């Protein structure tokens, strides 16, 4: 019985650490929209293909598709770069965030990507 209790205790600690980290480096569409409205210290980075960006994107987002990541064009070191891609199952944003953080840029990932932004009926710019 002590073994089961010990495992449960260790699992809750791991969960706490995981969610603490997740909250520090991810945001949702409602929170991002609030940050934008309140003049938050964010730079929005769309890592989808240029043609998809042209069809619609989060207002004020810069487009930095994968083939241009090495340029770091549009990234800011004085703001949090909130990176997004297509959807929850797309890993482009996570890969981009890893790449940009490795180069010294502060980053967060928008959970759910552009699809979730649209599902929440947030403004879209073309």
N, C-alpha and C. Protein backbone atom coordinates (compact mmCIF):
# COMPACT_ATOMS: atom_id res chain seq x y z
N UNK A 1 0.82 -1.20 0.00
CA UNK A 1 0.00 0.00 0.00
C UNK A 1 0.86 1.26 0.00
N UNK A 2 1.95 1.28 0.73
CA UNK A 2 2.83 2.45 0.77
C UNK A 2 3.39 2.74 -0.62
N UNK A 3 3.66 1.70 -1.39
CA UNK A 3 4.19 1.86 -2.74
C UNK A 3 3.20 2.62 -3.62
N UNK A 4 1.92 2.29 -3.56
CA UNK A 4 0.91 2.96 -4.37
C UNK A 4 0.80 4.43 -3.97
N UNK A 5 0.87 4.72 -2.69
CA UNK A 5 0.80 6.10 -2.22
C UNK A 5 2.01 6.89 -2.70
N UNK A 6 3.18 6.28 -2.62
CA UNK A 6 4.40 6.94 -3.06
C UNK A 6 4.35 7.25 -4.55
N UNK A 7 3.87 6.33 -5.36
CA UNK A 7 3.77 6.54 -6.80
C UNK A 7 2.79 7.68 -7.09
N UNK A 8 1.68 7.68 -6.42
CA UNK A 8 0.68 8.72 -6.60
C UNK A 8 1.28 10.08 -6.25
N UNK A 9 2.02 10.16 -5.16
CA UNK A 9 2.66 11.41 -4.75
C UNK A 9 3.65 11.86 -5.82
N UNK A 10 4.45 10.94 -6.34
CA UNK A 10 5.43 11.31 -7.37
C UNK A 10 4.72 11.76 -8.64
N UNK A 11 3.63 11.11 -9.01
CA UNK A 11 2.89 11.49 -10.21
C UNK A 11 2.30 12.89 -10.09
N UNK A 12 1.79 13.23 -8.92
CA UNK A 12 1.21 14.57 -8.77
C UNK A 12 2.30 15.64 -8.84
N UNK A 13 3.47 15.35 -8.33
CA UNK A 13 4.58 16.30 -8.42
C UNK A 13 5.00 16.49 -9.88
N UNK A 14 5.09 15.38 -10.63
CA UNK A 14 5.42 15.48 -12.05
C UNK A 14 4.35 16.26 -12.80
N UNK A 15 3.10 16.02 -12.46
CA UNK A 15 2.01 16.74 -13.10
C UNK A 15 2.11 18.24 -12.80
N UNK A 16 2.38 18.58 -11.57
CA UNK A 16 2.52 19.99 -11.18
C UNK A 16 3.64 20.64 -11.98
N UNK A 17 4.77 19.98 -12.08
CA UNK A 17 5.91 20.52 -12.84
C UNK A 17 5.56 20.68 -14.32
N UNK A 18 4.90 19.67 -14.88
CA UNK A 18 4.51 19.72 -16.29
C UNK A 18 3.59 20.90 -16.55
N UNK A 19 2.54 21.05 -15.74
CA UNK A 19 1.58 22.11 -15.99
C UNK A 19 2.14 23.49 -15.67
N UNK A 20 3.05 23.58 -14.73
CA UNK A 20 3.71 24.85 -14.46
C UNK A 20 4.50 25.29 -15.69
N UNK A 21 5.22 24.37 -16.29
CA UNK A 21 5.98 24.67 -17.50
C UNK A 21 5.05 24.98 -18.66
N UNK A 22 4.00 24.19 -18.81
CA UNK A 22 3.04 24.41 -19.89
C UNK A 22 2.45 25.80 -19.80
N UNK A 23 2.04 26.22 -18.62
CA UNK A 23 1.45 27.55 -18.45
C UNK A 23 2.44 28.67 -18.74
N UNK A 24 3.70 28.43 -18.50
CA UNK A 24 4.72 29.45 -18.75
C UNK A 24 5.01 29.64 -20.24
N UNK A 25 4.75 28.61 -21.05
CA UNK A 25 5.17 28.67 -22.45
C UNK A 25 4.05 28.46 -23.46
N UNK A 26 2.79 28.44 -23.01
CA UNK A 26 1.66 28.34 -23.93
C UNK A 26 0.61 29.36 -23.52
N UNK A 27 -0.24 29.69 -24.49
CA UNK A 27 -1.37 30.55 -24.21
C UNK A 27 -2.53 30.11 -25.09
N UNK A 28 -3.71 30.52 -24.75
CA UNK A 28 -4.89 30.19 -25.55
C UNK A 28 -5.36 31.42 -26.31
N UNK A 29 -6.30 31.23 -27.23
CA UNK A 29 -6.77 32.35 -28.04
C UNK A 29 -7.43 33.47 -27.24
N UNK A 30 -8.19 33.13 -26.23
CA UNK A 30 -8.86 34.16 -25.42
C UNK A 30 -7.82 35.00 -24.68
N UNK A 31 -6.82 34.34 -24.11
CA UNK A 31 -5.77 35.05 -23.39
C UNK A 31 -4.94 35.92 -24.34
N UNK A 32 -4.63 35.38 -25.52
CA UNK A 32 -3.85 36.16 -26.50
C UNK A 32 -4.63 37.38 -26.95
N UNK A 33 -5.91 37.20 -27.24
CA UNK A 33 -6.73 38.33 -27.67
C UNK A 33 -6.76 39.41 -26.59
N UNK A 34 -6.85 38.99 -25.34
CA UNK A 34 -6.84 39.94 -24.22
C UNK A 34 -5.50 40.66 -24.15
N UNK A 35 -4.39 39.92 -24.31
CA UNK A 35 -3.07 40.56 -24.29
C UNK A 35 -2.95 41.60 -25.40
N UNK A 36 -3.45 41.26 -26.60
CA UNK A 36 -3.40 42.18 -27.73
C UNK A 36 -4.23 43.42 -27.44
N UNK A 37 -5.42 43.24 -26.93
CA UNK A 37 -6.34 44.35 -26.65
C UNK A 37 -5.78 45.29 -25.58
N UNK A 38 -5.08 44.70 -24.61
CA UNK A 38 -4.54 45.50 -23.51
C UNK A 38 -3.13 45.99 -23.77
N UNK A 39 -2.67 45.84 -25.01
CA UNK A 39 -1.33 46.33 -25.36
C UNK A 39 -0.21 45.52 -24.75
N UNK A 40 -0.43 44.23 -24.63
CA UNK A 40 0.57 43.34 -24.05
C UNK A 40 1.86 43.30 -24.84
N UNK A 41 2.86 42.82 -24.23
CA UNK A 41 4.20 42.78 -24.78
C UNK A 41 4.38 41.55 -25.67
N UNK A 42 3.55 41.45 -26.74
CA UNK A 42 3.57 40.27 -27.60
C UNK A 42 3.83 40.63 -29.05
N UNK A 43 4.50 39.73 -29.73
CA UNK A 43 4.73 39.78 -31.17
C UNK A 43 4.18 38.46 -31.70
N UNK A 44 3.20 38.52 -32.59
CA UNK A 44 2.54 37.30 -33.05
C UNK A 44 3.20 36.82 -34.33
N UNK A 45 3.55 35.53 -34.34
CA UNK A 45 4.30 34.96 -35.46
C UNK A 45 3.55 33.76 -36.02
N UNK A 46 3.14 33.88 -37.27
CA UNK A 46 2.42 32.83 -38.00
C UNK A 46 3.46 32.04 -38.80
N UNK A 47 3.61 30.75 -38.49
CA UNK A 47 4.62 29.94 -39.19
C UNK A 47 4.00 29.07 -40.28
N UNK A 48 2.76 29.35 -40.65
CA UNK A 48 2.13 28.61 -41.74
C UNK A 48 2.69 29.09 -43.08
N UNK A 49 2.35 28.36 -44.13
CA UNK A 49 2.79 28.71 -45.48
C UNK A 49 2.27 30.10 -45.84
N UNK A 50 3.03 30.83 -46.67
CA UNK A 50 2.68 32.20 -47.05
C UNK A 50 1.30 32.29 -47.68
N UNK A 51 0.92 31.31 -48.50
CA UNK A 51 -0.40 31.37 -49.14
C UNK A 51 -1.53 31.21 -48.12
N UNK A 52 -1.33 30.43 -47.08
CA UNK A 52 -2.35 30.28 -46.04
C UNK A 52 -2.44 31.54 -45.19
N UNK A 53 -1.29 32.14 -44.90
CA UNK A 53 -1.25 33.42 -44.19
C UNK A 53 -2.03 34.47 -44.96
N UNK A 54 -1.84 34.52 -46.29
CA UNK A 54 -2.51 35.51 -47.13
C UNK A 54 -4.03 35.34 -47.12
N UNK A 55 -4.50 34.13 -46.94
CA UNK A 55 -5.95 33.86 -46.90
C UNK A 55 -6.59 34.33 -45.59
N UNK A 56 -5.79 34.53 -44.57
CA UNK A 56 -6.29 35.02 -43.29
C UNK A 56 -5.34 34.66 -42.17
N UNK A 57 -5.17 35.59 -41.23
CA UNK A 57 -4.26 35.38 -40.11
C UNK A 57 -4.70 36.24 -38.92
N UNK A 58 -4.09 36.00 -37.80
CA UNK A 58 -4.36 36.79 -36.60
C UNK A 58 -3.88 38.22 -36.87
N UNK A 59 -4.69 39.23 -36.50
CA UNK A 59 -4.29 40.62 -36.76
C UNK A 59 -2.89 40.93 -36.23
N UNK A 60 -2.14 41.64 -37.04
CA UNK A 60 -0.78 42.10 -36.73
C UNK A 60 0.27 40.98 -36.73
N UNK A 61 -0.12 39.76 -37.08
CA UNK A 61 0.86 38.66 -37.11
C UNK A 61 1.83 38.84 -38.26
N UNK A 62 3.09 38.50 -38.01
CA UNK A 62 4.08 38.45 -39.08
C UNK A 62 4.13 37.01 -39.58
N UNK A 63 4.43 36.84 -40.85
CA UNK A 63 4.51 35.49 -41.42
C UNK A 63 5.97 35.08 -41.53
N UNK A 64 6.28 33.94 -40.94
CA UNK A 64 7.64 33.40 -41.00
C UNK A 64 7.54 31.89 -41.23
N UNK A 65 7.27 31.48 -42.50
CA UNK A 65 7.15 30.06 -42.80
C UNK A 65 8.48 29.33 -42.62
N UNK A 66 8.41 28.03 -42.50
CA UNK A 66 9.57 27.20 -42.15
C UNK A 66 10.79 27.45 -43.04
N UNK A 67 10.57 27.66 -44.33
CA UNK A 67 11.72 27.85 -45.22
C UNK A 67 12.43 29.18 -44.98
N UNK A 68 11.88 30.04 -44.10
CA UNK A 68 12.52 31.32 -43.78
C UNK A 68 12.90 31.46 -42.30
N UNK A 69 12.75 30.38 -41.53
CA UNK A 69 13.07 30.47 -40.10
C UNK A 69 14.48 30.96 -39.86
N UNK A 70 15.41 30.54 -40.68
CA UNK A 70 16.82 30.90 -40.47
C UNK A 70 17.04 32.41 -40.55
N UNK A 71 16.14 33.15 -41.21
CA UNK A 71 16.29 34.60 -41.32
C UNK A 71 15.92 35.31 -40.02
N UNK A 72 15.08 34.68 -39.21
CA UNK A 72 14.56 35.26 -37.97
C UNK A 72 13.79 36.55 -38.22
N UNK A 73 13.40 36.77 -39.46
CA UNK A 73 12.71 37.98 -39.88
C UNK A 73 11.38 38.15 -39.16
N UNK A 74 11.21 39.30 -38.54
CA UNK A 74 9.96 39.61 -37.84
C UNK A 74 9.96 39.23 -36.38
N UNK A 75 10.96 38.49 -35.92
CA UNK A 75 11.03 38.12 -34.50
C UNK A 75 11.53 39.31 -33.68
N UNK A 76 11.16 39.33 -32.42
CA UNK A 76 11.57 40.41 -31.53
C UNK A 76 12.19 39.83 -30.28
N UNK A 77 13.26 40.44 -29.82
CA UNK A 77 13.86 40.00 -28.56
C UNK A 77 13.31 40.80 -27.38
N UNK A 78 12.63 41.91 -27.67
CA UNK A 78 12.07 42.76 -26.62
C UNK A 78 10.60 42.45 -26.32
N UNK A 79 10.04 41.44 -27.00
CA UNK A 79 8.66 41.03 -26.78
C UNK A 79 8.59 39.51 -26.75
N UNK A 80 7.49 38.98 -26.26
CA UNK A 80 7.26 37.54 -26.31
C UNK A 80 6.71 37.21 -27.69
N UNK A 81 7.39 36.36 -28.41
CA UNK A 81 6.96 35.93 -29.72
C UNK A 81 5.97 34.78 -29.54
N UNK A 82 4.69 35.06 -29.80
CA UNK A 82 3.66 34.03 -29.68
C UNK A 82 3.53 33.39 -31.06
N UNK A 83 3.93 32.13 -31.13
CA UNK A 83 4.03 31.40 -32.39
C UNK A 83 2.80 30.52 -32.57
N UNK A 84 2.26 30.49 -33.80
CA UNK A 84 1.14 29.59 -34.07
C UNK A 84 1.25 28.99 -35.46
N UNK A 85 0.59 27.82 -35.62
CA UNK A 85 0.52 27.16 -36.92
C UNK A 85 -0.94 26.84 -37.21
N UNK A 86 -1.20 25.69 -37.82
CA UNK A 86 -2.54 25.38 -38.30
C UNK A 86 -3.54 24.95 -37.23
N UNK A 87 -3.17 23.98 -36.40
CA UNK A 87 -4.14 23.40 -35.47
C UNK A 87 -3.42 22.75 -34.29
N UNK A 88 -4.21 22.16 -33.43
CA UNK A 88 -3.67 21.47 -32.25
C UNK A 88 -2.74 20.33 -32.63
N UNK A 89 -3.00 19.68 -33.76
CA UNK A 89 -2.19 18.52 -34.14
C UNK A 89 -0.99 18.89 -35.02
N UNK A 90 -0.85 20.17 -35.34
CA UNK A 90 0.29 20.64 -36.12
C UNK A 90 1.45 20.94 -35.16
N UNK A 91 2.62 20.47 -35.51
CA UNK A 91 3.77 20.68 -34.63
C UNK A 91 4.75 21.72 -35.16
N UNK A 92 4.38 22.43 -36.22
CA UNK A 92 5.24 23.48 -36.75
C UNK A 92 5.52 24.56 -35.70
N UNK A 93 4.50 24.98 -34.97
CA UNK A 93 4.68 26.04 -33.98
C UNK A 93 5.63 25.60 -32.87
N UNK A 94 5.49 24.37 -32.41
CA UNK A 94 6.39 23.88 -31.36
C UNK A 94 7.82 23.80 -31.88
N UNK A 95 7.98 23.32 -33.11
CA UNK A 95 9.32 23.24 -33.71
C UNK A 95 9.91 24.63 -33.89
N UNK A 96 9.08 25.58 -34.33
CA UNK A 96 9.55 26.95 -34.51
C UNK A 96 9.93 27.56 -33.16
N UNK A 97 9.09 27.35 -32.15
CA UNK A 97 9.38 27.89 -30.82
C UNK A 97 10.69 27.35 -30.30
N UNK A 98 10.94 26.07 -30.50
CA UNK A 98 12.21 25.46 -30.09
C UNK A 98 13.37 26.14 -30.81
N UNK A 99 13.24 26.30 -32.12
CA UNK A 99 14.29 26.92 -32.94
C UNK A 99 14.55 28.36 -32.49
N UNK A 100 13.49 29.14 -32.32
CA UNK A 100 13.65 30.54 -31.97
C UNK A 100 14.19 30.70 -30.54
N UNK A 101 13.72 29.89 -29.61
CA UNK A 101 14.24 29.95 -28.24
C UNK A 101 15.72 29.58 -28.23
N UNK A 102 16.10 28.63 -29.08
CA UNK A 102 17.51 28.23 -29.16
C UNK A 102 18.40 29.39 -29.63
N UNK A 103 17.79 30.34 -30.30
CA UNK A 103 18.53 31.51 -30.81
C UNK A 103 18.34 32.74 -29.91
N UNK A 104 17.76 32.53 -28.74
CA UNK A 104 17.67 33.60 -27.75
C UNK A 104 16.42 34.45 -27.80
N UNK A 105 15.40 34.01 -28.51
CA UNK A 105 14.15 34.77 -28.59
C UNK A 105 13.14 34.24 -27.58
N UNK A 106 12.49 35.13 -26.83
CA UNK A 106 11.43 34.68 -25.90
C UNK A 106 10.22 34.21 -26.71
N UNK A 107 9.70 33.03 -26.38
CA UNK A 107 8.61 32.45 -27.16
C UNK A 107 7.53 31.83 -26.28
N UNK A 108 6.34 31.79 -26.86
CA UNK A 108 5.21 31.03 -26.33
C UNK A 108 4.52 30.41 -27.54
N UNK A 109 3.77 29.36 -27.31
CA UNK A 109 3.00 28.73 -28.39
C UNK A 109 1.52 28.99 -28.15
N UNK A 110 0.81 29.34 -29.22
CA UNK A 110 -0.64 29.48 -29.15
C UNK A 110 -1.24 28.09 -29.30
N UNK A 111 -1.85 27.60 -28.23
CA UNK A 111 -2.46 26.27 -28.29
C UNK A 111 -3.64 26.27 -29.24
N UNK A 112 -3.70 25.23 -30.06
CA UNK A 112 -4.80 25.09 -30.99
C UNK A 112 -4.58 25.76 -32.32
N UNK A 113 -3.58 26.62 -32.40
CA UNK A 113 -3.25 27.27 -33.66
C UNK A 113 -4.36 28.13 -34.23
N UNK A 114 -4.25 28.38 -35.52
CA UNK A 114 -5.19 29.26 -36.21
C UNK A 114 -6.61 28.68 -36.19
N UNK A 115 -6.73 27.38 -36.27
CA UNK A 115 -8.06 26.75 -36.25
C UNK A 115 -8.82 27.13 -34.98
N UNK A 116 -8.17 27.03 -33.84
CA UNK A 116 -8.83 27.36 -32.57
C UNK A 116 -9.14 28.85 -32.49
N UNK A 117 -8.25 29.68 -33.01
CA UNK A 117 -8.51 31.12 -33.07
C UNK A 117 -9.81 31.39 -33.82
N UNK A 118 -9.96 30.75 -35.00
CA UNK A 118 -11.18 30.92 -35.80
C UNK A 118 -12.40 30.35 -35.09
N UNK A 119 -12.27 29.19 -34.45
CA UNK A 119 -13.39 28.58 -33.74
C UNK A 119 -13.92 29.48 -32.63
N UNK A 120 -13.06 30.30 -32.05
CA UNK A 120 -13.48 31.24 -31.01
C UNK A 120 -13.98 32.55 -31.61
N UNK A 121 -14.09 32.58 -32.94
CA UNK A 121 -14.61 33.74 -33.67
C UNK A 121 -13.87 35.03 -33.36
N UNK A 122 -12.55 34.91 -33.27
CA UNK A 122 -11.70 36.08 -33.06
C UNK A 122 -11.49 36.77 -34.41
N UNK A 123 -11.07 38.03 -34.37
CA UNK A 123 -10.83 38.79 -35.60
C UNK A 123 -9.76 38.12 -36.45
N UNK A 124 -9.97 38.22 -37.77
CA UNK A 124 -9.02 37.70 -38.73
C UNK A 124 -8.69 38.81 -39.71
N UNK A 125 -7.43 38.90 -40.04
CA UNK A 125 -6.94 39.93 -40.97
C UNK A 125 -6.52 39.25 -42.26
N UNK A 126 -6.74 39.94 -43.39
CA UNK A 126 -6.32 39.42 -44.69
C UNK A 126 -5.41 40.40 -45.38
